Amino acid sequence: MKRNGTLIGLGSGLFWGLDTVLLGIATSSALFLTTLAGIITFNYNVSP
């Protein structure tokens, strides 16, 4: 019984760890794309 609980705890800990990593990747990707789009738009508007 205890071993089963430990496995569940380990699994949920791993899941939340991966979830946090994925969230971080998604956030940084979104920020990067937004910045990239802003730079491209700025250059396009500024160039004659």
PDB file of N, CA and C in Angstrom:
ATOM      1  N   MET A   1       0.837  -1.197   0.000  1.00  0.00           N
ATOM      2  CA  MET A   1       0.000   0.000   0.000  1.00  0.00           C
ATOM      3  C   MET A   1       0.879   1.257   0.000  1.00  0.00           C
ATOM      4  N   LYS A   2       1.905   1.248   0.865  1.00  0.00           N
ATOM      5  CA  LYS A   2       2.781   2.420   0.962  1.00  0.00           C
ATOM      6  C   LYS A   2       3.551   2.620  -0.347  1.00  0.00           C
ATOM      7  N   ARG A   3       3.998   1.523  -0.912  1.00  0.00           N
ATOM      8  CA  ARG A   3       4.758   1.609  -2.150  1.00  0.00           C
ATOM      9  C   ARG A   3       3.900   2.206  -3.276  1.00  0.00           C
ATOM     10  N   ASN A   4       2.632   1.788  -3.298  1.00  0.00           N
ATOM     11  CA  ASN A   4       1.718   2.303  -4.311  1.00  0.00           C
ATOM     12  C   ASN A   4       1.544   3.817  -4.162  1.00  0.00           C
ATOM     13  N   GLY A   5       1.374   4.266  -2.914  1.00  0.00           N
ATOM     14  CA  GLY A   5       1.232   5.698  -2.641  1.00  0.00           C
ATOM     15  C   GLY A   5       2.477   6.468  -3.057  1.00  0.00           C
ATOM     16  N   THR A   6       3.645   5.863  -2.804  1.00  0.00           N
ATOM     17  CA  THR A   6       4.901   6.506  -3.173  1.00  0.00           C
ATOM     18  C   THR A   6       4.996   6.654  -4.686  1.00  0.00           C
ATOM     19  N   LEU A   7       4.593   5.608  -5.409  1.00  0.00           N
ATOM     20  CA  LEU A   7       4.624   5.649  -6.870  1.00  0.00           C
ATOM     21  C   LEU A   7       3.699   6.736  -7.401  1.00  0.00           C
ATOM     22  N   ILE A   8       2.516   6.844  -6.798  1.00  0.00           N
ATOM     23  CA  ILE A   8       1.557   7.869  -7.218  1.00  0.00           C
ATOM     24  C   ILE A   8       2.132   9.264  -6.954  1.00  0.00           C
ATOM     25  N   GLY A   9       2.751   9.421  -5.775  1.00  0.00           N
ATOM     26  CA  GLY A   9       3.371  10.702  -5.437  1.00  0.00           C
ATOM     27  C   GLY A   9       4.487  11.051  -6.407  1.00  0.00           C
ATOM     28  N   LEU A  10       5.303  10.064  -6.734  1.00  0.00           N
ATOM     29  CA  LEU A  10       6.403  10.258  -7.670  1.00  0.00           C
ATOM     30  C   LEU A  10       5.867  10.635  -9.048  1.00  0.00           C
ATOM     31  N   GLY A  11       4.834   9.912  -9.480  1.00  0.00           N
ATOM     32  CA  GLY A  11       4.225  10.180 -10.785  1.00  0.00           C
ATOM     33  C   GLY A  11       3.641  11.577 -10.868  1.00  0.00           C
ATOM     34  N   SER A  12       2.933  11.978  -9.812  1.00  0.00           N
ATOM     35  CA  SER A  12       2.319  13.308  -9.813  1.00  0.00           C
ATOM     36  C   SER A  12       3.396  14.386  -9.738  1.00  0.00           C
ATOM     37  N   GLY A  13       4.466  14.128  -8.986  1.00  0.00           N
ATOM     38  CA  GLY A  13       5.573  15.077  -8.907  1.00  0.00           C
ATOM     39  C   GLY A  13       6.237  15.247 -10.261  1.00  0.00           C
ATOM     40  N   LEU A  14       6.448  14.141 -10.965  1.00  0.00           N
ATOM     41  CA  LEU A  14       7.042  14.168 -12.295  1.00  0.00           C
ATOM     42  C   LEU A  14       6.137  14.921 -13.256  1.00  0.00           C
ATOM     43  N   PHE A  15       4.830  14.652 -13.160  1.00  0.00           N
ATOM     44  CA  PHE A  15       3.854  15.311 -14.031  1.00  0.00           C
ATOM     45  C   PHE A  15       3.880  16.823 -13.838  1.00  0.00           C
ATOM     46  N   TRP A  16       3.863  17.254 -12.565  1.00  0.00           N
ATOM     47  CA  TRP A  16       3.865  18.689 -12.287  1.00  0.00           C
ATOM     48  C   TRP A  16       5.187  19.321 -12.716  1.00  0.00           C
ATOM     49  N   GLY A  17       6.286  18.573 -12.570  1.00  0.00           N
ATOM     50  CA  GLY A  17       7.588  19.085 -12.997  1.00  0.00           C
ATOM     51  C   GLY A  17       7.609  19.322 -14.499  1.00  0.00           C
ATOM     52  N   LEU A  18       7.122  18.337 -15.266  1.00  0.00           N
ATOM     53  CA  LEU A  18       7.062  18.461 -16.721  1.00  0.00           C
ATOM     54  C   LEU A  18       6.119  19.584 -17.113  1.00  0.00           C
ATOM     55  N   ASP A  19       4.998  19.677 -16.388  1.00  0.00           N
ATOM     56  CA  ASP A  19       3.999  20.707 -16.652  1.00  0.00           C
ATOM     57  C   ASP A  19       4.619  22.096 -16.511  1.00  0.00           C
ATOM     58  N   THR A  20       5.402  22.278 -15.457  1.00  0.00           N
ATOM     59  CA  THR A  20       6.049  23.571 -15.216  1.00  0.00           C
ATOM     60  C   THR A  20       7.061  23.878 -16.314  1.00  0.00           C
ATOM     61  N   VAL A  21       7.829  22.865 -16.720  1.00  0.00           N
ATOM     62  CA  VAL A  21       8.822  23.045 -17.781  1.00  0.00           C
ATOM     63  C   VAL A  21       8.141  23.435 -19.088  1.00  0.00           C
ATOM     64  N   LEU A  22       7.060  22.715 -19.422  1.00  0.00           N
ATOM     65  CA  LEU A  22       6.329  23.008 -20.655  1.00  0.00           C
ATOM     66  C   LEU A  22       5.740  24.409 -20.618  1.00  0.00           C
ATOM     67  N   LEU A  23       5.232  24.800 -19.456  1.00  0.00           N
ATOM     68  CA  LEU A  23       4.655  26.134 -19.293  1.00  0.00           C
ATOM     69  C   LEU A  23       5.732  27.200 -19.515  1.00  0.00           C
ATOM     70  N   GLY A  24       6.910  26.953 -18.963  1.00  0.00           N
ATOM     71  CA  GLY A  24       8.023  27.885 -19.139  1.00  0.00           C
ATOM     72  C   GLY A  24       8.437  27.994 -20.600  1.00  0.00           C
ATOM     73  N   ILE A  25       8.510  26.851 -21.285  1.00  0.00           N
ATOM     74  CA  ILE A  25       8.871  26.832 -22.704  1.00  0.00           C
ATOM     75  C   ILE A  25       7.827  27.588 -23.525  1.00  0.00           C
ATOM     76  N   ALA A  26       6.554  27.328 -23.227  1.00  0.00           N
ATOM     77  CA  ALA A  26       5.466  27.989 -23.953  1.00  0.00           C
ATOM     78  C   ALA A  26       5.515  29.503 -23.749  1.00  0.00           C
ATOM     79  N   THR A  27       5.759  29.919 -22.509  1.00  0.00           N
ATOM     80  CA  THR A  27       5.810  31.353 -22.198  1.00  0.00           C
ATOM     81  C   THR A  27       6.975  32.030 -22.909  1.00  0.00           C
ATOM     82  N   SER A  28       8.156  31.415 -22.855  1.00  0.00           N
ATOM     83  CA  SER A  28       9.327  32.011 -23.496  1.00  0.00           C
ATOM     84  C   SER A  28       9.169  32.029 -25.014  1.00  0.00           C
ATOM     85  N   SER A  29       8.547  30.989 -25.578  1.00  0.00           N
ATOM     86  CA  SER A  29       8.303  30.943 -27.019  1.00  0.00           C
ATOM     87  C   SER A  29       7.359  32.063 -27.434  1.00  0.00           C
ATOM     88  N   ALA A  30       6.291  32.253 -26.649  1.00  0.00           N
ATOM     89  CA  ALA A  30       5.319  33.306 -26.945  1.00  0.00           C
ATOM     90  C   ALA A  30       5.986  34.682 -26.883  1.00  0.00           C
ATOM     91  N   LEU A  31       6.809  34.902 -25.850  1.00  0.00           N
ATOM     92  CA  LEU A  31       7.512  36.178 -25.704  1.00  0.00           C
ATOM     93  C   LEU A  31       8.474  36.399 -26.868  1.00  0.00           C
ATOM     94  N   PHE A  32       9.189  35.344 -27.251  1.00  0.00           N
ATOM     95  CA  PHE A  32      10.145  35.429 -28.351  1.00  0.00           C
ATOM     96  C   PHE A  32       9.439  35.776 -29.661  1.00  0.00           C
ATOM     97  N   LEU A  33       8.316  35.079 -29.934  1.00  0.00           N
ATOM     98  CA  LEU A  33       7.565  35.324 -31.165  1.00  0.00           C
ATOM     99  C   LEU A  33       6.992  36.735 -31.186  1.00  0.00           C
ATOM    100  N   THR A  34       6.501  37.189 -30.039  1.00  0.00           N
ATOM    101  CA  THR A  34       5.940  38.546 -29.949  1.00  0.00           C
ATOM    102  C   THR A  34       7.024  39.586 -30.218  1.00  0.00           C
ATOM    103  N   THR A  35       8.192  39.377 -29.623  1.00  0.00           N
ATOM    104  CA  THR A  35       9.314  40.299 -29.824  1.00  0.00           C
ATOM    105  C   THR A  35       9.753  40.292 -31.281  1.00  0.00           C
ATOM    106  N   LEU A  36       9.843  39.098 -31.861  1.00  0.00           N
ATOM    107  CA  LEU A  36      10.245  38.946 -33.253  1.00  0.00           C
ATOM    108  C   LEU A  36       9.262  39.663 -34.170  1.00  0.00           C
ATOM    109  N   ALA A  37       7.966  39.456 -33.938  1.00  0.00           N
ATOM    110  CA  ALA A  37       6.927  40.106 -34.735  1.00  0.00           C
ATOM    111  C   ALA A  37       7.018  41.626 -34.599  1.00  0.00           C
ATOM    112  N   GLY A  38       7.274  42.093 -33.372  1.00  0.00           N
ATOM    113  CA  GLY A  38       7.401  43.530 -33.130  1.00  0.00           C
ATOM    114  C   GLY A  38       8.579  44.119 -33.888  1.00  0.00           C
ATOM    115  N   ILE A  39       9.710  43.429 -33.881  1.00  0.00           N
ATOM    116  CA  ILE A  39      10.914  43.895 -34.578  1.00  0.00           C
ATOM    117  C   ILE A  39      10.666  43.937 -36.085  1.00  0.00           C
ATOM    118  N   ILE A  40      10.070  42.876 -36.617  1.00  0.00           N
ATOM    119  CA  ILE A  40       9.787  42.796 -38.054  1.00  0.00           C
ATOM    120  C   ILE A  40       8.831  43.915 -38.461  1.00  0.00           C
ATOM    121  N   THR A  41       7.777  44.108 -37.678  1.00  0.00           N
ATOM    122  CA  THR A  41       6.797  45.160 -37.970  1.00  0.00           C
ATOM    123  C   THR A  41       7.453  46.533 -37.915  1.00  0.00           C
ATOM    124  N   PHE A  42       8.284  46.747 -36.896  1.00  0.00           N
ATOM    125  CA  PHE A  42       8.977  48.028 -36.723  1.00  0.00           C
ATOM    126  C   PHE A  42       9.887  48.303 -37.920  1.00  0.00           C
ATOM    127  N   ASN A  43      10.670  47.311 -38.320  1.00  0.00           N
ATOM    128  CA  ASN A  43      11.589  47.470 -39.445  1.00  0.00           C
ATOM    129  C   ASN A  43      10.822  47.717 -40.737  1.00  0.00           C
ATOM    130  N   TYR A  44       9.714  47.019 -40.897  1.00  0.00           N
ATOM    131  CA  TYR A  44       8.889  47.160 -42.106  1.00  0.00           C
ATOM    132  C   TYR A  44       8.292  48.565 -42.194  1.00  0.00           C
ATOM    133  N   ASN A  45       7.855  49.095 -41.045  1.00  0.00           N
ATOM    134  CA  ASN A  45       7.252  50.429 -41.015  1.00  0.00           C
ATOM    135  C   ASN A  45       8.291  51.530 -41.189  1.00  0.00           C
ATOM    136  N   VAL A  46       9.497  51.304 -40.656  1.00  0.00           N
ATOM    137  CA  VAL A  46      10.542  52.324 -40.699  1.00  0.00           C
ATOM    138  C   VAL A  46      11.197  52.381 -42.077  1.00  0.00           C
ATOM    139  N   SER A  47      11.411  51.242 -42.705  1.00  0.00           N
ATOM    140  CA  SER A  47      12.096  51.218 -43.996  1.00  0.00           C
ATOM    141  C   SER A  47      11.253  51.926 -45.063  1.00  0.00           C
ATOM    142  N   PRO A  48      11.890  52.723 -45.914  1.00  0.00           N
ATOM    143  CA  PRO A  48      11.170  53.503 -46.931  1.00  0.00           C
ATOM    144  C   PRO A  48      10.585  52.630 -48.041  1.00  0.00           C
TER     145      PRO A  48
END
